[in-house]
Amino acid sequence: MVEKVPPDVEAKYNKYVQLRETLNAVVQERLNVEGTIAEIDSIVEKLRDLPENAELYRMFGYVLVKSTRDEVLNELNEKKEDLELRLKALKSQEESLKREIEKLGEELKRLLSGRMGATGIGG
């Protein structure tokens, strides 16, 4: 005999799945931000080796704009600061989701093992 899963257990399971998907998206975004920060660090290191009067160009929309080394360095450092704040928020969100998923997973195990024991299944 197949027993229907109670609506509360099904709702908790659906929330668990949704949280896992959200966690995966947050982890992917965190990895992207970390990669961008590493790329900025690499560019900044190379720019610091250039003379101050080196001709640099950066994309501004569809146009290349001439800039000074210091302008580009300042812009990159500002972007990196913004990304580091975003990274901190993503790490916090990731940890929070992991805790919530773990808690919900334990609750689901408890509910399902209680149901299986009550029906004589699996034991």
N, C-alpha and C. Protein backbone atom coordinates (compact mmCIF):
# COMPACT_ATOMS: atom_id res chain seq x y z
N MET A 1 0.83 -1.18 0.00
CA MET A 1 0.00 0.00 0.00
C MET A 1 0.88 1.25 0.00
N VAL A 2 0.58 2.17 -0.88
CA VAL A 2 1.34 3.41 -0.97
C VAL A 2 0.63 4.46 -0.13
N GLU A 3 1.40 5.06 0.76
CA GLU A 3 0.83 6.07 1.65
C GLU A 3 1.15 7.46 1.12
N LYS A 4 0.14 8.33 1.11
CA LYS A 4 0.33 9.70 0.63
C LYS A 4 1.11 10.49 1.68
N VAL A 5 2.04 11.30 1.19
CA VAL A 5 2.85 12.14 2.08
C VAL A 5 1.96 13.27 2.60
N PRO A 6 1.97 13.50 3.91
CA PRO A 6 1.15 14.59 4.47
C PRO A 6 1.56 15.94 3.89
N PRO A 7 0.60 16.85 3.75
CA PRO A 7 0.89 18.16 3.15
C PRO A 7 1.99 18.94 3.87
N ASP A 8 2.05 18.84 5.21
CA ASP A 8 3.09 19.59 5.94
C ASP A 8 4.48 19.06 5.62
N VAL A 9 4.61 17.75 5.46
CA VAL A 9 5.90 17.15 5.13
C VAL A 9 6.27 17.53 3.69
N GLU A 10 5.30 17.48 2.80
CA GLU A 10 5.54 17.85 1.41
C GLU A 10 5.96 19.32 1.30
N ALA A 11 5.32 20.18 2.08
CA ALA A 11 5.67 21.61 2.08
C ALA A 11 7.09 21.82 2.58
N LYS A 12 7.45 21.11 3.64
CA LYS A 12 8.81 21.23 4.18
C LYS A 12 9.84 20.72 3.16
N TYR A 13 9.50 19.64 2.49
CA TYR A 13 10.41 19.10 1.47
C TYR A 13 10.57 20.10 0.32
N ASN A 14 9.47 20.69 -0.13
CA ASN A 14 9.54 21.67 -1.21
C ASN A 14 10.38 22.88 -0.80
N LYS A 15 10.23 23.30 0.44
CA LYS A 15 11.04 24.42 0.94
C LYS A 15 12.51 24.02 0.97
N TYR A 16 12.78 22.77 1.39
CA TYR A 16 14.15 22.26 1.44
C TYR A 16 14.77 22.30 0.04
N VAL A 17 14.04 21.84 -0.96
CA VAL A 17 14.53 21.84 -2.34
C VAL A 17 14.78 23.27 -2.82
N GLN A 18 13.85 24.16 -2.50
CA GLN A 18 13.99 25.56 -2.90
C GLN A 18 15.22 26.20 -2.25
N LEU A 19 15.44 25.90 -0.98
CA LEU A 19 16.61 26.44 -0.27
C LEU A 19 17.90 25.91 -0.89
N ARG A 20 17.91 24.64 -1.27
CA ARG A 20 19.10 24.05 -1.91
C ARG A 20 19.40 24.76 -3.24
N GLU A 21 18.35 25.04 -4.00
CA GLU A 21 18.53 25.74 -5.27
C GLU A 21 19.05 27.16 -5.04
N THR A 22 18.50 27.82 -4.03
CA THR A 22 18.95 29.17 -3.70
C THR A 22 20.41 29.14 -3.26
N LEU A 23 20.77 28.16 -2.44
CA LEU A 23 22.16 28.02 -1.99
C LEU A 23 23.08 27.82 -3.19
N ASN A 24 22.69 26.98 -4.12
CA ASN A 24 23.53 26.75 -5.31
C ASN A 24 23.73 28.05 -6.08
N ALA A 25 22.67 28.85 -6.21
CA ALA A 25 22.78 30.12 -6.93
C ALA A 25 23.70 31.09 -6.18
N VAL A 26 23.60 31.13 -4.86
CA VAL A 26 24.44 32.01 -4.04
C VAL A 26 25.90 31.58 -4.14
N VAL A 27 26.15 30.29 -4.07
CA VAL A 27 27.52 29.77 -4.19
C VAL A 27 28.10 30.13 -5.55
N GLN A 28 27.31 29.98 -6.60
CA GLN A 28 27.79 30.32 -7.95
C GLN A 28 28.12 31.81 -8.04
N GLU A 29 27.25 32.63 -7.49
CA GLU A 29 27.51 34.08 -7.51
C GLU A 29 28.76 34.42 -6.70
N ARG A 30 28.92 33.76 -5.54
CA ARG A 30 30.12 34.00 -4.71
C ARG A 30 31.38 33.64 -5.49
N LEU A 31 31.35 32.50 -6.18
CA LEU A 31 32.51 32.09 -6.97
C LEU A 31 32.81 33.09 -8.08
N ASN A 32 31.77 33.61 -8.71
CA ASN A 32 31.96 34.62 -9.76
C ASN A 32 32.59 35.88 -9.19
N VAL A 33 32.11 36.32 -8.03
CA VAL A 33 32.64 37.53 -7.40
C VAL A 33 34.10 37.31 -7.00
N GLU A 34 34.39 36.15 -6.43
CA GLU A 34 35.77 35.85 -6.05
C GLU A 34 36.68 35.84 -7.28
N GLY A 35 36.19 35.29 -8.38
CA GLY A 35 36.98 35.28 -9.61
C GLY A 35 37.24 36.68 -10.14
N THR A 36 36.22 37.54 -10.05
CA THR A 36 36.38 38.92 -10.51
C THR A 36 37.37 39.67 -9.63
N ILE A 37 37.31 39.45 -8.33
CA ILE A 37 38.26 40.09 -7.41
C ILE A 37 39.69 39.64 -7.73
N ALA A 38 39.86 38.35 -7.98
CA ALA A 38 41.19 37.83 -8.32
C ALA A 38 41.69 38.45 -9.63
N GLU A 39 40.79 38.61 -10.58
CA GLU A 39 41.15 39.23 -11.86
C GLU A 39 41.56 40.69 -11.65
N ILE A 40 40.81 41.41 -10.84
CA ILE A 40 41.15 42.80 -10.54
C ILE A 40 42.52 42.88 -9.86
N ASP A 41 42.76 41.99 -8.90
CA ASP A 41 44.07 41.97 -8.22
C ASP A 41 45.21 41.77 -9.21
N SER A 42 45.01 40.87 -10.16
CA SER A 42 46.03 40.60 -11.16
C SER A 42 46.27 41.82 -12.05
N ILE A 43 45.19 42.48 -12.45
CA ILE A 43 45.31 43.68 -13.31
C ILE A 43 46.00 44.81 -12.55
N VAL A 44 45.61 45.01 -11.29
CA VAL A 44 46.20 46.07 -10.48
C VAL A 44 47.70 45.83 -10.32
N GLU A 45 48.08 44.59 -10.10
CA GLU A 45 49.51 44.26 -9.96
C GLU A 45 50.28 44.62 -11.23
N LYS A 46 49.70 44.31 -12.38
CA LYS A 46 50.36 44.63 -13.65
C LYS A 46 50.40 46.14 -13.90
N LEU A 47 49.33 46.82 -13.54
CA LEU A 47 49.29 48.28 -13.74
C LEU A 47 50.31 49.00 -12.86
N ARG A 48 50.54 48.51 -11.68
CA ARG A 48 51.50 49.16 -10.77
C ARG A 48 52.92 49.09 -11.32
N ASP A 49 53.17 48.11 -12.17
CA ASP A 49 54.50 47.98 -12.78
C ASP A 49 54.71 48.96 -13.94
N LEU A 50 53.61 49.53 -14.42
CA LEU A 50 53.71 50.48 -15.54
C LEU A 50 54.12 51.86 -15.05
N PRO A 51 54.77 52.63 -15.90
CA PRO A 51 55.09 54.02 -15.51
C PRO A 51 53.79 54.83 -15.39
N GLU A 52 53.83 55.88 -14.58
CA GLU A 52 52.65 56.70 -14.35
C GLU A 52 52.08 57.29 -15.62
N ASN A 53 52.94 57.59 -16.59
CA ASN A 53 52.48 58.25 -17.81
C ASN A 53 52.14 57.26 -18.93
N ALA A 54 52.02 55.99 -18.60
CA ALA A 54 51.69 54.98 -19.61
C ALA A 54 50.30 55.28 -20.19
N GLU A 55 50.15 55.08 -21.49
CA GLU A 55 48.85 55.30 -22.13
C GLU A 55 47.97 54.09 -21.89
N LEU A 56 46.84 54.33 -21.26
CA LEU A 56 45.88 53.27 -21.00
C LEU A 56 44.53 53.67 -21.58
N TYR A 57 43.79 52.66 -21.99
CA TYR A 57 42.45 52.88 -22.52
C TYR A 57 41.50 51.92 -21.82
N ARG A 58 40.31 52.41 -21.56
CA ARG A 58 39.31 51.54 -20.95
C ARG A 58 38.01 51.68 -21.72
N MET A 59 37.20 50.65 -21.65
CA MET A 59 35.92 50.67 -22.36
C MET A 59 34.92 51.51 -21.58
N PHE A 60 34.28 52.39 -22.29
CA PHE A 60 33.20 53.19 -21.71
C PHE A 60 32.04 53.03 -22.69
N GLY A 61 31.17 52.07 -22.40
CA GLY A 61 30.14 51.72 -23.36
C GLY A 61 30.80 51.04 -24.55
N TYR A 62 30.62 51.63 -25.73
CA TYR A 62 31.22 51.08 -26.95
C TYR A 62 32.44 51.88 -27.39
N VAL A 63 32.95 52.74 -26.51
CA VAL A 63 34.04 53.64 -26.88
C VAL A 63 35.24 53.38 -25.97
N LEU A 64 36.42 53.43 -26.56
CA LEU A 64 37.65 53.37 -25.76
C LEU A 64 37.99 54.80 -25.33
N VAL A 65 38.26 54.95 -24.04
CA VAL A 65 38.57 56.27 -23.49
C VAL A 65 39.97 56.23 -22.90
N LYS A 66 40.77 57.22 -23.25
CA LYS A 66 42.13 57.30 -22.73
C LYS A 66 42.06 57.69 -21.25
N SER A 67 42.86 57.02 -20.44
CA SER A 67 42.89 57.28 -19.00
C SER A 67 44.32 57.24 -18.49
N THR A 68 44.50 57.80 -17.31
CA THR A 68 45.81 57.69 -16.67
C THR A 68 45.85 56.40 -15.86
N ARG A 69 47.04 55.99 -15.56
CA ARG A 69 47.22 54.78 -14.75
C ARG A 69 46.52 54.94 -13.41
N ASP A 70 46.66 56.12 -12.78
CA ASP A 70 46.05 56.33 -11.47
C ASP A 70 44.53 56.32 -11.52
N GLU A 71 43.96 56.86 -12.61
CA GLU A 71 42.50 56.83 -12.76
C GLU A 71 41.99 55.39 -12.85
N VAL A 72 42.70 54.59 -13.63
CA VAL A 72 42.30 53.20 -13.79
C VAL A 72 42.48 52.45 -12.47
N LEU A 73 43.60 52.68 -11.80
CA LEU A 73 43.83 52.02 -10.51
C LEU A 73 42.74 52.40 -9.50
N ASN A 74 42.40 53.69 -9.44
CA ASN A 74 41.35 54.12 -8.51
C ASN A 74 40.01 53.46 -8.83
N GLU A 75 39.70 53.42 -10.11
CA GLU A 75 38.43 52.80 -10.53
C GLU A 75 38.40 51.31 -10.16
N LEU A 76 39.51 50.63 -10.41
CA LEU A 76 39.58 49.21 -10.08
C LEU A 76 39.50 48.97 -8.57
N ASN A 77 40.16 49.83 -7.80
CA ASN A 77 40.10 49.67 -6.34
C ASN A 77 38.69 49.91 -5.81
N GLU A 78 37.98 50.88 -6.38
CA GLU A 78 36.60 51.11 -5.97
C GLU A 78 35.72 49.91 -6.31
N LYS A 79 35.91 49.39 -7.51
CA LYS A 79 35.14 48.21 -7.93
C LYS A 79 35.44 47.03 -7.00
N LYS A 80 36.71 46.87 -6.64
CA LYS A 80 37.09 45.77 -5.75
C LYS A 80 36.44 45.94 -4.38
N GLU A 81 36.42 47.17 -3.86
CA GLU A 81 35.78 47.41 -2.56
C GLU A 81 34.29 47.04 -2.61
N ASP A 82 33.63 47.45 -3.68
CA ASP A 82 32.21 47.10 -3.85
C ASP A 82 32.02 45.58 -3.90
N LEU A 83 32.90 44.92 -4.65
CA LEU A 83 32.80 43.46 -4.77
C LEU A 83 33.09 42.77 -3.44
N GLU A 84 34.02 43.31 -2.65
CA GLU A 84 34.32 42.71 -1.35
C GLU A 84 33.14 42.83 -0.40
N LEU A 85 32.42 43.94 -0.48
CA LEU A 85 31.19 44.08 0.32
C LEU A 85 30.15 43.06 -0.13
N ARG A 86 30.01 42.92 -1.44
CA ARG A 86 29.06 41.94 -1.99
C ARG A 86 29.47 40.54 -1.58
N LEU A 87 30.76 40.25 -1.60
CA LEU A 87 31.27 38.93 -1.22
C LEU A 87 30.95 38.64 0.24
N LYS A 88 31.13 39.62 1.10
CA LYS A 88 30.84 39.45 2.52
C LYS A 88 29.36 39.12 2.72
N ALA A 89 28.49 39.83 2.01
CA ALA A 89 27.05 39.58 2.10
C ALA A 89 26.71 38.18 1.58
N LEU A 90 27.33 37.78 0.47
CA LEU A 90 27.07 36.46 -0.09
C LEU A 90 27.52 35.34 0.85
N LYS A 91 28.68 35.52 1.48
CA LYS A 91 29.16 34.51 2.43
C LYS A 91 28.22 34.38 3.61
N SER A 92 27.73 35.51 4.09
CA SER A 92 26.77 35.51 5.20
C SER A 92 25.48 34.80 4.79
N GLN A 93 25.00 35.12 3.60
CA GLN A 93 23.78 34.49 3.09
C GLN A 93 23.98 32.99 2.90
N GLU A 94 25.15 32.62 2.42
CA GLU A 94 25.46 31.21 2.21
C GLU A 94 25.45 30.43 3.53
N GLU A 95 26.08 31.00 4.55
CA GLU A 95 26.10 30.33 5.85
C GLU A 95 24.70 30.21 6.44
N SER A 96 23.92 31.26 6.31
CA SER A 96 22.55 31.25 6.81
C SER A 96 21.72 30.17 6.11
N LEU A 97 21.86 30.09 4.79
CA LEU A 97 21.13 29.06 4.04
C LEU A 97 21.57 27.66 4.44
N LYS A 98 22.87 27.47 4.63
CA LYS A 98 23.36 26.15 5.05
C LYS A 98 22.77 25.73 6.39
N ARG A 99 22.72 26.68 7.33
CA ARG A 99 22.13 26.37 8.64
C ARG A 99 20.65 26.02 8.50
N GLU A 100 19.94 26.80 7.70
CA GLU A 100 18.51 26.56 7.52
C GLU A 100 18.25 25.22 6.83
N ILE A 101 19.07 24.90 5.83
CA ILE A 101 18.94 23.62 5.13
C ILE A 101 19.22 22.46 6.07
N GLU A 102 20.25 22.60 6.87
CA GLU A 102 20.60 21.54 7.82
C GLU A 102 19.46 21.32 8.82
N LYS A 103 18.93 22.41 9.34
CA LYS A 103 17.84 22.33 10.32
C LYS A 103 16.61 21.68 9.68
N LEU A 104 16.25 22.11 8.49
CA LEU A 104 15.09 21.56 7.80
C LEU A 104 15.31 20.10 7.42
N GLY A 105 16.53 19.76 7.03
CA GLY A 105 16.86 18.37 6.70
C GLY A 105 16.70 17.46 7.90
N GLU A 106 17.16 17.91 9.05
CA GLU A 106 17.01 17.12 10.28
C GLU A 106 15.53 16.96 10.64
N GLU A 107 14.78 18.03 10.47
CA GLU A 107 13.35 17.99 10.76
C GLU A 107 12.64 17.00 9.83
N LEU A 108 13.00 17.02 8.56
CA LEU A 108 12.41 16.08 7.60
C LEU A 108 12.77 14.64 7.95
N LYS A 109 14.02 14.40 8.32
CA LYS A 109 14.43 13.05 8.71
C LYS A 109 13.61 12.56 9.90
N ARG A 110 13.45 13.46 10.88
CA ARG A 110 12.70 13.11 12.08
C ARG A 110 11.24 12.79 11.72
N LEU A 111 10.64 13.65 10.90
CA LEU A 111 9.25 13.43 10.51
C LEU A 111 9.09 12.13 9.72
N LEU A 112 9.98 11.90 8.78
CA LEU A 112 9.87 10.71 7.94
C LEU A 112 10.19 9.44 8.72
N SER A 113 11.19 9.48 9.58
CA SER A 113 11.51 8.27 10.35
C SER A 113 10.38 7.97 11.34
N GLY A 114 9.75 8.99 11.87
CA GLY A 114 8.61 8.79 12.77
C GLY A 114 7.43 8.18 12.05
N ARG A 115 7.19 8.62 10.83
CA ARG A 115 6.09 8.07 10.02
C ARG A 115 6.38 6.64 9.62
N MET A 116 7.62 6.37 9.26
CA MET A 116 7.96 5.00 8.83
C MET A 116 7.85 4.03 10.00
N GLY A 117 8.29 4.51 11.17
CA GLY A 117 8.18 3.66 12.36
C GLY A 117 6.73 3.42 12.74
N ALA A 118 5.89 4.42 12.57
CA ALA A 118 4.48 4.32 12.93
C ALA A 118 3.73 3.38 11.99
N THR A 119 4.19 3.28 10.75
CA THR A 119 3.50 2.41 9.79
C THR A 119 4.13 1.02 9.70
N GLY A 120 5.22 0.84 10.42
CA GLY A 120 5.88 -0.46 10.39
C GLY A 120 6.79 -0.64 9.20
N ILE A 121 7.06 0.42 8.47
CA ILE A 121 7.91 0.35 7.29
C ILE A 121 9.36 0.59 7.69
N GLY A 122 10.27 -0.10 7.07
CA GLY A 122 11.69 0.16 7.22
C GLY A 122 12.26 -0.28 8.54
N GLY A 123 11.63 -1.10 9.23
CA GLY A 123 12.18 -1.34 10.52
C GLY A 123 12.40 -2.70 10.91
